[in-house]
C-alpha atoms as a PDB file:
ATOM      1  CA  MET A   1      11.440  -7.996  -7.886  1.00  0.00           C
ATOM      2  CA  THR A   2       9.389 -10.966  -6.748  1.00  0.00           C
ATOM      3  CA  GLN A   3       6.920 -12.334  -9.265  1.00  0.00           C
ATOM      4  CA  ALA A   4       3.255 -12.587  -8.371  1.00  0.00           C
ATOM      5  CA  SER A   5       1.178 -15.735  -8.572  1.00  0.00           C
ATOM      6  CA  THR A   6       0.357 -17.217 -11.953  1.00  0.00           C
ATOM      7  CA  SER A   7      -3.372 -16.555 -11.572  1.00  0.00           C
ATOM      8  CA  SER A   8      -2.801 -12.788 -11.762  1.00  0.00           C
ATOM      9  CA  ALA A   9      -1.105 -13.188 -15.142  1.00  0.00           C
ATOM     10  CA  ALA A  10      -4.492 -14.016 -16.682  1.00  0.00           C
ATOM     11  CA  VAL A  11      -5.917 -10.612 -15.667  1.00  0.00           C
ATOM     12  CA  THR A  12      -5.782  -7.972 -18.372  1.00  0.00           C
ATOM     13  CA  ALA A  13      -7.005  -4.388 -18.447  1.00  0.00           C
ATOM     14  CA  PRO A  14     -10.303  -3.891 -20.354  1.00  0.00           C
ATOM     15  CA  PRO A  15      -9.944  -1.913 -23.587  1.00  0.00           C
ATOM     16  CA  THR A  16     -13.050   0.269 -23.069  1.00  0.00           C
ATOM     17  CA  ALA A  17     -13.918   2.903 -20.493  1.00  0.00           C
ATOM     18  CA  ARG A  18     -17.080   1.013 -19.584  1.00  0.00           C
ATOM     19  CA  GLY A  19     -15.108  -2.179 -19.064  1.00  0.00           C
ATOM     20  CA  ARG A  20     -12.555  -0.390 -16.905  1.00  0.00           C
ATOM     21  CA  ALA A  21     -15.358   1.098 -14.811  1.00  0.00           C
ATOM     22  CA  THR A  22     -16.940  -2.333 -14.295  1.00  0.00           C
ATOM     23  CA  ARG A  23     -13.610  -3.869 -13.382  1.00  0.00           C
ATOM     24  CA  GLN A  24     -12.980  -1.063 -10.886  1.00  0.00           C
ATOM     25  CA  ALA A  25     -16.433  -1.575  -9.358  1.00  0.00           C
ATOM     26  CA  LEU A  26     -15.594  -5.255  -8.870  1.00  0.00           C
ATOM     27  CA  LEU A  27     -12.251  -4.398  -7.251  1.00  0.00           C
ATOM     28  CA  ASP A  28     -13.928  -1.873  -4.937  1.00  0.00           C
ATOM     29  CA  ALA A  29     -16.503  -4.482  -3.934  1.00  0.00           C
ATOM     30  CA  ALA A  30     -13.773  -7.094  -3.499  1.00  0.00           C
ATOM     31  CA  GLU A  31     -11.934  -4.737  -1.179  1.00  0.00           C
ATOM     32  CA  GLU A  32     -15.004  -4.559   1.037  1.00  0.00           C
ATOM     33  CA  VAL A  33     -15.816  -8.265   0.900  1.00  0.00           C
ATOM     34  CA  PHE A  34     -12.290  -9.655   1.412  1.00  0.00           C
ATOM     35  CA  GLY A  35     -11.707  -7.179   4.212  1.00  0.00           C
ATOM     36  CA  GLU A  36     -14.968  -8.083   5.894  1.00  0.00           C
ATOM     37  CA  PHE A  37     -15.128 -11.860   5.396  1.00  0.00           C
ATOM     38  CA  SER A  38     -11.530 -12.980   4.666  1.00  0.00           C
ATOM     39  CA  PHE A  39     -10.488 -14.833   1.520  1.00  0.00           C
ATOM     40  CA  ASP A  40     -11.960 -18.213   2.412  1.00  0.00           C
ATOM     41  CA  ARG A  41     -15.366 -16.888   3.441  1.00  0.00           C
ATOM     42  CA  ALA A  42     -15.651 -14.273   0.697  1.00  0.00           C
ATOM     43  CA  SER A  43     -17.808 -15.303  -2.260  1.00  0.00           C
ATOM     44  CA  VAL A  44     -17.950 -14.189  -5.870  1.00  0.00           C
ATOM     45  CA  SER A  45     -21.704 -13.792  -5.518  1.00  0.00           C
ATOM     46  CA  GLU A  46     -21.270 -11.290  -2.693  1.00  0.00           C
ATOM     47  CA  ILE A  47     -18.653  -9.336  -4.624  1.00  0.00           C
ATOM     48  CA  THR A  48     -20.868  -9.067  -7.685  1.00  0.00           C
ATOM     49  CA  ARG A  49     -23.887  -8.205  -5.558  1.00  0.00           C
ATOM     50  CA  ARG A  50     -22.054  -5.256  -4.030  1.00  0.00           C
ATOM     51  CA  ALA A  51     -20.656  -4.250  -7.409  1.00  0.00           C
ATOM     52  CA  GLY A  52     -24.163  -4.243  -8.852  1.00  0.00           C
ATOM     53  CA  VAL A  53     -23.371  -6.653 -11.712  1.00  0.00           C
ATOM     54  CA  ALA A  54     -24.403 -10.153 -12.698  1.00  0.00           C
ATOM     55  CA  GLN A  55     -22.313 -12.968 -11.250  1.00  0.00           C
ATOM     56  CA  GLY A  56     -21.183 -14.067 -14.691  1.00  0.00           C
ATOM     57  CA  THR A  57     -19.701 -10.616 -15.266  1.00  0.00           C
ATOM     58  CA  PHE A  58     -17.056 -11.369 -12.647  1.00  0.00           C
ATOM     59  CA  TYR A  59     -15.512 -14.043 -14.878  1.00  0.00           C
ATOM     60  CA  VAL A  60     -15.245 -11.642 -17.781  1.00  0.00           C
ATOM     61  CA  TYR A  61     -12.583  -9.790 -15.781  1.00  0.00           C
ATOM     62  CA  PHE A  62     -11.170 -12.410 -13.428  1.00  0.00           C
ATOM     63  CA  PRO A  63     -10.730 -16.160 -14.037  1.00  0.00           C
ATOM     64  CA  ASP A  64     -11.320 -17.005 -10.377  1.00  0.00           C
ATOM     65  CA  LYS A  65     -11.486 -15.604  -6.857  1.00  0.00           C
ATOM     66  CA  MET A  66      -7.741 -15.974  -6.333  1.00  0.00           C
ATOM     67  CA  ALA A  67      -7.008 -13.863  -9.413  1.00  0.00           C
ATOM     68  CA  ALA A  68      -9.311 -11.130  -8.101  1.00  0.00           C
ATOM     69  CA  PHE A  69      -7.603 -11.224  -4.707  1.00  0.00           C
ATOM     70  CA  THR A  70      -4.149 -10.982  -6.245  1.00  0.00           C
ATOM     71  CA  GLU A  71      -5.195  -8.183  -8.564  1.00  0.00           C
ATOM     72  CA  LEU A  72      -6.753  -6.333  -5.614  1.00  0.00           C
ATOM     73  CA  VAL A  73      -3.410  -6.385  -3.754  1.00  0.00           C
ATOM     74  CA  ARG A  74      -1.730  -5.006  -6.871  1.00  0.00           C
ATOM     75  CA  HIS A  75      -4.413  -2.342  -7.222  1.00  0.00           C
ATOM     76  CA  LEU A  76      -4.162  -1.212  -3.605  1.00  0.00           C
ATOM     77  CA  ASN A  77      -0.366  -1.156  -3.819  1.00  0.00           C
ATOM     78  CA  HIS A  78      -0.494   1.026  -6.935  1.00  0.00           C
ATOM     79  CA  SER A  79      -3.207   3.261  -5.504  1.00  0.00           C
ATOM     80  CA  LEU A  80      -1.243   3.831  -2.305  1.00  0.00           C
ATOM     81  CA  ARG A  81       1.987   4.633  -4.099  1.00  0.00           C
ATOM     82  CA  GLN A  82       0.244   6.913  -6.583  1.00  0.00           C
ATOM     83  CA  THR A  83      -1.585   8.766  -3.817  1.00  0.00           C
ATOM     84  CA  ILE A  84       1.663   9.440  -1.935  1.00  0.00           C
ATOM     85  CA  ALA A  85       3.508  10.355  -5.135  1.00  0.00           C
ATOM     86  CA  ILE A  86       0.877  12.980  -5.996  1.00  0.00           C
ATOM     87  CA  ALA A  87       1.006  14.370  -2.444  1.00  0.00           C
ATOM     88  CA  VAL A  88       4.798  14.790  -2.392  1.00  0.00           C
ATOM     89  CA  ALA A  89       5.120  16.021  -5.980  1.00  0.00           C
ATOM     90  CA  GLY A  90       7.010  19.312  -6.149  1.00  0.00           C
ATOM     91  CA  HIS A  91       8.749  18.791  -2.798  1.00  0.00           C
ATOM     92  CA  SER A  92      12.491  18.161  -2.685  1.00  0.00           C
ATOM     93  CA  ASP A  93      13.398  18.292   1.031  1.00  0.00           C
ATOM     94  CA  ARG A  94      13.514  14.730   2.334  1.00  0.00           C
ATOM     95  CA  ARG A  95      12.209  15.569   5.792  1.00  0.00           C
ATOM     96  CA  GLU A  96       9.263  17.398   4.291  1.00  0.00           C
ATOM     97  CA  ILE A  97       8.634  14.471   1.973  1.00  0.00           C
ATOM     98  CA  GLU A  98       8.629  12.131   4.975  1.00  0.00           C
ATOM     99  CA  ARG A  99       6.112  14.332   6.801  1.00  0.00           C
ATOM    100  CA  ILE A 100       3.772  14.587   3.826  1.00  0.00           C
ATOM    101  CA  GLY A 101       4.222  10.915   2.950  1.00  0.00           C
ATOM    102  CA  PHE A 102       3.434   9.710   6.468  1.00  0.00           C
ATOM    103  CA  ARG A 103       0.357  11.920   6.763  1.00  0.00           C
ATOM    104  CA  THR A 104      -0.850  10.750   3.361  1.00  0.00           C
ATOM    105  CA  PHE A 105      -0.285   7.133   4.324  1.00  0.00           C
ATOM    106  CA  PHE A 106      -2.273   7.510   7.558  1.00  0.00           C
ATOM    107  CA  ASP A 107      -5.094   9.211   5.674  1.00  0.00           C
ATOM    108  CA  TYR A 108      -5.074   6.450   3.052  1.00  0.00           C
ATOM    109  CA  VAL A 109      -5.337   3.558   5.517  1.00  0.00           C
ATOM    110  CA  ARG A 110      -8.061   5.443   7.355  1.00  0.00           C
ATOM    111  CA  ASP A 111     -10.053   5.427   4.116  1.00  0.00           C
ATOM    112  CA  HIS A 112      -8.997   1.882   3.155  1.00  0.00           C
ATOM    113  CA  ARG A 113      -9.170   0.038   6.444  1.00  0.00           C
ATOM    114  CA  SER A 114      -9.399  -3.324   4.697  1.00  0.00           C
ATOM    115  CA  LEU A 115      -5.866  -2.854   3.337  1.00  0.00           C
ATOM    116  CA  TYR A 116      -4.311  -4.234   6.504  1.00  0.00           C
ATOM    117  CA  MET A 117      -6.474  -7.322   6.670  1.00  0.00           C
ATOM    118  CA  ILE A 118      -6.103  -8.066   2.971  1.00  0.00           C
ATOM    119  CA  VAL A 119      -2.292  -7.709   2.889  1.00  0.00           C
ATOM    120  CA  ARG A 120      -1.832  -9.684   6.085  1.00  0.00           C
ATOM    121  CA  GLU A 121      -3.981 -12.495   4.744  1.00  0.00           C
ATOM    122  CA  ALA A 122      -2.010 -12.399   1.501  1.00  0.00           C
ATOM    123  CA  GLU A 123       0.955 -13.784   3.400  1.00  0.00           C
ATOM    124  CA  PHE A 124      -0.893 -17.080   3.612  1.00  0.00           C
ATOM    125  CA  VAL A 125      -3.253 -16.919   0.623  1.00  0.00           C
ATOM    126  CA  ASP A 126      -0.620 -15.854  -1.924  1.00  0.00           C
ATOM    127  CA  PRO A 127       2.883 -15.490  -0.435  1.00  0.00           C
ATOM    128  CA  ALA A 128       4.298 -14.318  -3.779  1.00  0.00           C
ATOM    129  CA  ILE A 129       1.998 -11.299  -4.018  1.00  0.00           C
ATOM    130  CA  TYR A 130       2.617 -10.591  -0.331  1.00  0.00           C
ATOM    131  CA  ARG A 131       6.367 -10.380  -0.968  1.00  0.00           C
ATOM    132  CA  TRP A 132       5.792  -8.373  -4.146  1.00  0.00           C
ATOM    133  CA  HIS A 133       3.728  -5.824  -2.240  1.00  0.00           C
ATOM    134  CA  TYR A 134       6.468  -5.066   0.296  1.00  0.00           C
ATOM    135  CA  ASP A 135       9.324  -5.389  -2.201  1.00  0.00           C
ATOM    136  CA  THR A 136       7.642  -2.813  -4.447  1.00  0.00           C
ATOM    137  CA  LEU A 137       7.019  -0.364  -1.593  1.00  0.00           C
ATOM    138  CA  ALA A 138      10.601  -0.767  -0.356  1.00  0.00           C
ATOM    139  CA  GLU A 139      12.008  -0.337  -3.855  1.00  0.00           C
ATOM    140  CA  GLY A 140      10.279   3.016  -4.303  1.00  0.00           C
ATOM    141  CA  TYR A 141      11.175   4.172  -0.810  1.00  0.00           C
ATOM    142  CA  THR A 142      14.837   3.229  -1.312  1.00  0.00           C
ATOM    143  CA  GLU A 143      14.904   5.156  -4.596  1.00  0.00           C
ATOM    144  CA  GLY A 144      13.634   8.282  -2.820  1.00  0.00           C
ATOM    145  CA  LEU A 145      16.255   7.998  -0.100  1.00  0.00           C
ATOM    146  CA  ASP A 146      18.972   7.521  -2.725  1.00  0.00           C
ATOM    147  CA  GLN A 147      17.809  10.736  -4.379  1.00  0.00           C
ATOM    148  CA  ALA A 148      18.075  12.543  -1.043  1.00  0.00           C
ATOM    149  CA  LYS A 149      21.625  11.163  -0.668  1.00  0.00           C
ATOM    150  CA  ALA A 150      22.540  12.392  -4.148  1.00  0.00           C
ATOM    151  CA  ALA A 151      21.185  15.831  -3.212  1.00  0.00           C
ATOM    152  CA  GLY A 152      23.372  15.908  -0.105  1.00  0.00           C
ATOM    153  CA  GLN A 153      20.411  15.753   2.315  1.00  0.00           C
ATOM    154  CA  LEU A 154      21.468  12.398   3.706  1.00  0.00           C
ATOM    155  CA  PRO A 155      24.977  10.905   4.061  1.00  0.00           C
ATOM    156  CA  ALA A 156      26.242   9.138   0.979  1.00  0.00           C
ATOM    157  CA  ASP A 157      27.028   5.912   2.861  1.00  0.00           C
ATOM    158  CA  LEU A 158      23.599   5.663   4.555  1.00  0.00           C
ATOM    159  CA  ASP A 159      22.058   2.214   3.974  1.00  0.00           C
ATOM    160  CA  SER A 160      18.945   3.223   2.061  1.00  0.00           C
ATOM    161  CA  VAL A 161      17.480  -0.290   2.022  1.00  0.00           C
ATOM    162  CA  THR A 162      17.695  -0.674   5.788  1.00  0.00           C
ATOM    163  CA  ILE A 163      16.334   2.832   6.478  1.00  0.00           C
ATOM    164  CA  SER A 164      13.472   2.306   4.040  1.00  0.00           C
ATOM    165  CA  HIS A 165      12.378  -0.815   5.878  1.00  0.00           C
ATOM    166  CA  LEU A 166      12.684   0.922   9.264  1.00  0.00           C
ATOM    167  CA  LEU A 167      10.500   3.823   8.095  1.00  0.00           C
ATOM    168  CA  MET A 168       7.958   1.463   6.495  1.00  0.00           C
ATOM    169  CA  GLY A 169       7.764  -0.470   9.735  1.00  0.00           C
ATOM    170  CA  ILE A 170       7.019   2.693  11.734  1.00  0.00           C
ATOM    171  CA  ALA A 171       4.297   3.748   9.270  1.00  0.00           C
ATOM    172  CA  GLU A 172       2.646   0.358   9.133  1.00  0.00           C
ATOM    173  CA  PHE A 173       2.621  -0.309  12.859  1.00  0.00           C
ATOM    174  CA  MET A 174       1.356   3.138  13.779  1.00  0.00           C
ATOM    175  CA  GLY A 175      -1.309   3.017  11.080  1.00  0.00           C
ATOM    176  CA  GLY A 176      -2.319  -0.453  12.251  1.00  0.00           C
ATOM    177  CA  ARG A 177      -2.717   0.807  15.799  1.00  0.00           C
ATOM    178  CA  TYR A 178      -5.718   2.786  14.638  1.00  0.00           C
ATOM    179  CA  VAL A 179      -7.029   0.522  11.893  1.00  0.00           C
ATOM    180  CA  LEU A 180      -6.760  -2.919  13.470  1.00  0.00           C
ATOM    181  CA  ARG A 181      -7.775  -1.793  16.958  1.00  0.00           C
ATOM    182  CA  GLU A 182     -10.404   0.542  15.528  1.00  0.00           C
ATOM    183  CA  GLU A 183      -9.263   3.377  17.768  1.00  0.00           C
ATOM    184  CA  ALA A 184      -9.845   7.053  17.096  1.00  0.00           C
ATOM    185  CA  GLU A 185      -7.927   8.709  14.292  1.00  0.00           C
ATOM    186  CA  LEU A 186      -4.252   9.361  14.824  1.00  0.00           C
ATOM    187  CA  SER A 187      -4.109  12.696  16.623  1.00  0.00           C
ATOM    188  CA  ASP A 188      -1.914  15.644  15.660  1.00  0.00           C
ATOM    189  CA  HIS A 189       0.004  15.132  18.890  1.00  0.00           C
ATOM    190  CA  VAL A 190       0.827  11.509  18.083  1.00  0.00           C
ATOM    191  CA  PHE A 191       1.669  12.448  14.492  1.00  0.00           C
ATOM    192  CA  GLU A 192       4.157  15.044  15.719  1.00  0.00           C
ATOM    193  CA  GLU A 193       5.686  12.495  18.108  1.00  0.00           C
ATOM    194  CA  VAL A 194       6.178  10.078  15.216  1.00  0.00           C
ATOM    195  CA  MET A 195       7.653  12.700  12.924  1.00  0.00           C
ATOM    196  CA  GLY A 196       9.893  14.078  15.667  1.00  0.00           C
ATOM    197  CA  PHE A 197      11.290  10.599  16.218  1.00  0.00           C
ATOM    198  CA  ILE A 198      11.919  10.149  12.502  1.00  0.00           C
ATOM    199  CA  ASP A 199      13.497  13.574  12.125  1.00  0.00           C
ATOM    200  CA  ARG A 200      15.830  12.936  15.073  1.00  0.00           C
ATOM    201  CA  GLY A 201      16.693   9.532  13.631  1.00  0.00           C
ATOM    202  CA  LEU A 202      17.623  10.951  10.258  1.00  0.00           C
ATOM    203  CA  THR A 203      19.583  13.737  11.947  1.00  0.00           C
ATOM    204  CA  TYR A 204      21.440  11.174  14.079  1.00  0.00           C
ATOM    205  CA  ALA A 205      22.213   9.066  11.037  1.00  0.00           C
ATOM    206  CA  ALA A 206      23.556  12.100   9.237  1.00  0.00           C
ATOM    207  CA  GLY A 207      25.734  12.952  12.221  1.00  0.00           C
ATOM    208  CA  VAL A 208      27.103   9.427  12.663  1.00  0.00           C
ATOM    209  CA  ASN A 209      27.938   9.146   8.964  1.00  0.00           C
ATOM    210  CA  ALA A 210      29.357  12.685   8.627  1.00  0.00           C
END
């Protein structure tokens, strides 16, 4: 797994509930500010203003703006994965997991529209955390596909790494169509088109590898 930038190593979780709440408020504000202004134009003063804390409080939790940005990418990555994991918990059929996972992803990016802008900017602001973000998502996705293979739902020789990246690409591009272009929400019709394509693709792969 790719290591993140050194600035993020200085960030530690607060030991108290109050400290964790303040840190979360700063991350929520940073999500708004970085998404709205970009990394270069975002300021610590604006982040603390929106978080409702004194500017000096920022440095209690983050050594600098870069550390906050890097930690925000980690936070959004964890939040996205946790949200999907909770949604698919208790389901064992891979196609059903894909359907629930895709719907949950689209709902998440609808509620966190800054995610796209922040992660895309990370490619240039902090390439290491950018790679870590996608490596971590792909690692979890690949693990899920491997479990489906072990359960006999997908062919044993299916390339889980390649398929995970293909599915991630579909999810990200379709989600971006509505977030980056600020179009209406993804309709049920479009969702069914996407899932039909994925279902046929997995069925085809199973047939080819049978």
